[in-house]
C-alpha cells in the first residue's frame, strides 16, 4: 500500500512539472545595401548561441568595403574579448 501511494505521488509530481521548452535554431539574413543594412539589426536578447547570421553584399558600387561589428557583451564598445569584427 505504501509503495502504491509513493508511486502515485511521484507520478503526480511528474505530471505537475512544467514542460521544458527548447529554442529552435534560427537563421537571420542581413542584406548589406548601398543605403544601409536590411533589416536594421537584430533586437537585443533575440540571438542565442545556436542561431546563425548570414551577411549578403548586394551593394553594386565599385570598390565598396563593408565592415560588420558585433558587440557581444553589449557594452557599446567593439574592443572586448567576445566582440567580433570582419
Protein backbone atom coordinates (compact mmCIF):
# COMPACT_ATOMS: atom_id res chain seq x y z
CA UNK A 1 0.00 0.00 0.00
CA UNK A 2 2.83 2.36 0.86
CA UNK A 3 4.55 1.69 -2.49
CA UNK A 4 1.35 2.46 -4.38
CA UNK A 5 0.99 5.76 -2.52
CA UNK A 6 4.64 6.69 -3.22
CA UNK A 7 4.22 5.78 -6.88
CA UNK A 8 1.04 7.86 -7.09
CA UNK A 9 2.77 10.87 -5.51
CA UNK A 10 5.77 10.50 -7.82
CA UNK A 11 3.57 10.30 -10.93
CA UNK A 12 1.52 13.29 -9.75
CA UNK A 13 4.68 15.36 -9.32
CA UNK A 14 5.84 14.39 -12.80
CA UNK A 15 2.52 15.46 -14.29
CA UNK A 16 2.65 18.80 -12.47
CA UNK A 17 6.21 19.57 -13.57
CA UNK A 18 6.46 22.36 -16.12
CA UNK A 19 7.37 21.12 -19.58
CA UNK A 20 10.78 22.17 -20.84
CA UNK A 21 10.90 24.29 -23.97
CA UNK A 22 13.91 24.38 -26.27
CA UNK A 23 14.93 27.17 -28.61
CA UNK A 24 14.67 26.29 -32.28
CA UNK A 25 17.74 27.20 -34.31
CA UNK A 26 17.07 30.32 -36.36
CA UNK A 27 18.82 31.85 -39.34
CA UNK A 28 18.87 35.60 -39.89
CA UNK A 29 19.81 37.13 -43.25
CA UNK A 30 21.26 40.64 -43.30
CA UNK A 31 21.46 42.43 -46.67
CA UNK A 32 24.34 44.91 -46.97
CA UNK A 33 22.97 47.53 -49.36
CA UNK A 34 24.03 50.95 -50.59
CA UNK A 35 21.64 52.72 -48.20
CA UNK A 36 22.36 50.52 -45.16
CA UNK A 37 21.58 47.12 -43.72
CA UNK A 38 18.20 45.42 -44.05
CA UNK A 39 16.83 44.64 -41.53
CA UNK A 40 18.30 47.36 -39.34
CA UNK A 41 19.97 44.99 -36.85
CA UNK A 42 18.71 42.28 -34.53
CA UNK A 43 16.98 43.19 -31.28
CA UNK A 44 18.81 42.59 -28.02
CA UNK A 45 18.14 39.21 -26.44
CA UNK A 46 16.92 37.58 -29.68
CA UNK A 47 20.08 35.72 -30.71
CA UNK A 48 21.34 32.66 -28.89
CA UNK A 49 24.48 30.63 -29.50
CA UNK A 50 22.76 28.18 -31.86
CA UNK A 51 21.45 30.90 -34.20
CA UNK A 52 23.16 31.93 -37.44
CA UNK A 53 23.64 35.32 -39.08
CA UNK A 54 24.25 35.49 -42.83
CA UNK A 55 25.51 38.70 -44.42
CA UNK A 56 24.99 39.19 -48.15
CA UNK A 57 26.61 42.07 -50.01
CA UNK A 58 24.04 43.31 -52.52
CA UNK A 59 25.71 46.71 -52.93
CA UNK A 60 26.64 47.16 -56.61
CA UNK A 61 29.03 50.09 -56.12
CA UNK A 62 32.65 49.65 -57.19
CA UNK A 63 35.32 49.00 -54.53
CA UNK A 64 32.92 49.34 -51.60
CA UNK A 65 34.01 47.85 -48.29
CA UNK A 66 31.52 46.81 -45.62
CA UNK A 67 32.62 46.12 -42.07
CA UNK A 68 30.49 44.07 -39.69
CA UNK A 69 30.98 44.76 -35.96
CA UNK A 70 29.33 42.63 -33.27
CA UNK A 71 29.17 43.90 -29.69
CA UNK A 72 28.73 40.50 -28.00
CA UNK A 73 28.95 41.80 -24.43
CA UNK A 74 26.64 44.78 -25.08
CA UNK A 75 28.92 47.39 -23.52
CA UNK A 76 28.74 49.75 -26.51
CA UNK A 77 32.39 49.20 -27.41
CA UNK A 78 33.69 46.79 -30.02
CA UNK A 79 37.10 46.08 -28.48
CA UNK A 80 36.05 43.42 -25.93
CA UNK A 81 37.27 39.84 -25.75
CA UNK A 82 33.97 38.40 -27.06
CA UNK A 83 33.31 41.17 -29.62
CA UNK A 84 33.84 40.39 -33.30
CA UNK A 85 34.71 42.36 -36.42
CA UNK A 86 35.17 41.40 -40.06
